[in-house]
Protein backbone atom coordinates (compact mmCIF):
# COMPACT_ATOMS: atom_id res chain seq x y z
CA UNK A 1 -26.31 31.68 -9.48
CA UNK A 2 -25.18 31.68 -5.85
CA UNK A 3 -28.67 32.45 -4.61
CA UNK A 4 -30.08 29.25 -6.14
CA UNK A 5 -27.60 26.88 -4.48
CA UNK A 6 -27.44 28.59 -1.10
CA UNK A 7 -27.39 25.93 1.60
CA UNK A 8 -26.37 28.22 4.44
CA UNK A 9 -28.28 27.42 7.60
CA UNK A 10 -29.59 24.05 6.49
CA UNK A 11 -28.24 20.66 7.44
CA UNK A 12 -27.53 17.71 5.20
CA UNK A 13 -30.81 16.11 6.24
CA UNK A 14 -32.75 19.26 5.41
CA UNK A 15 -31.22 19.32 1.95
CA UNK A 16 -31.64 15.65 1.01
CA UNK A 17 -34.44 14.22 3.16
CA UNK A 18 -37.87 14.97 1.74
CA UNK A 19 -39.78 12.79 4.21
CA UNK A 20 -41.51 13.98 7.37
CA UNK A 21 -39.54 14.33 10.59
CA UNK A 22 -39.87 11.37 12.99
CA UNK A 23 -42.11 11.81 15.99
CA UNK A 24 -40.30 11.38 19.28
CA UNK A 25 -42.21 9.57 22.00
CA UNK A 26 -41.25 10.09 25.61
CA UNK A 27 -41.86 6.88 27.60
CA UNK A 28 -43.87 7.25 30.78
CA UNK A 29 -42.47 5.94 34.02
CA UNK A 30 -44.23 2.87 35.30
CA UNK A 31 -44.95 2.66 38.98
CA UNK A 32 -44.37 -0.66 40.61
CA UNK A 33 -46.43 -2.08 43.43
CA UNK A 34 -43.74 -4.39 44.77
CA UNK A 35 -42.35 -1.87 47.28
CA UNK A 36 -38.82 -1.78 45.88
CA UNK A 37 -38.14 -5.51 45.70
CA UNK A 38 -37.44 -5.14 41.98
CA UNK A 39 -34.74 -2.61 42.76
CA UNK A 40 -33.23 -4.94 45.34
CA UNK A 41 -33.13 -7.79 42.82
CA UNK A 42 -31.53 -5.52 40.25
CA UNK A 43 -28.91 -4.35 42.75
CA UNK A 44 -28.18 -7.98 43.63
CA UNK A 45 -27.67 -8.89 39.96
CA UNK A 46 -25.43 -5.89 39.37
CA UNK A 47 -23.44 -6.72 42.49
CA UNK A 48 -22.98 -10.32 41.36
CA UNK A 49 -21.86 -9.14 37.94
CA UNK A 50 -19.44 -6.70 39.52
CA UNK A 51 -17.94 -9.45 41.67
CA UNK A 52 -17.44 -11.65 38.61
CA UNK A 53 -15.86 -8.79 36.67
CA UNK A 54 -13.60 -7.96 39.60
CA UNK A 55 -12.38 -11.55 39.93
CA UNK A 56 -11.73 -11.87 36.19
CA UNK A 57 -9.82 -8.59 36.16
CA UNK A 58 -7.80 -9.66 39.17
CA UNK A 59 -6.90 -12.97 37.54
CA UNK A 60 -5.98 -11.21 34.32
CA UNK A 61 -3.77 -8.74 36.16
CA UNK A 62 -1.96 -11.57 37.94
CA UNK A 63 -1.30 -13.24 34.58
CA UNK A 64 0.02 -10.01 33.10
CA UNK A 65 2.33 -9.45 36.07
CA UNK A 66 3.61 -13.02 35.88
CA UNK A 67 4.17 -12.80 32.12
CA UNK A 68 5.97 -9.48 32.47
CA UNK A 69 8.22 -10.90 35.16
CA UNK A 70 9.07 -13.93 33.04
CA UNK A 71 9.73 -11.66 30.06
CA UNK A 72 12.11 -9.44 31.99
CA UNK A 73 13.96 -12.46 33.37
CA UNK A 74 14.34 -13.81 29.82
CA UNK A 75 15.69 -10.46 28.57
CA UNK A 76 18.02 -10.25 31.55
CA UNK A 77 19.39 -13.76 30.95
CA UNK A 78 19.93 -13.02 27.23
CA UNK A 79 21.75 -9.81 28.10
CA UNK A 80 24.03 -11.58 30.58
CA UNK A 81 24.80 -14.34 28.08
CA UNK A 82 25.89 -11.82 25.44
CA UNK A 83 27.98 -9.71 27.80
CA UNK A 84 29.78 -12.73 29.29
CA UNK A 85 31.00 -13.91 25.86
CA UNK A 86 33.32 -10.93 25.46
């Protein structure tokens, strides 16, 4: 009985997929005749995107620092109010 259900060495796809395997196509590299101006434009776009991301992250970090500072001051004031009542 074990010999009939032996799935050792086969994957799930081999056991359940009865269709043909997909053919993988390797894309060929296209050569450009614009002497690298496409690469320069791409670098410019990536650089602009990086600058935007950097400024947004910087603004976000400033907001987090400010919120943390306000939060600690609030906790500190609550602590002092409760310890001064005694």
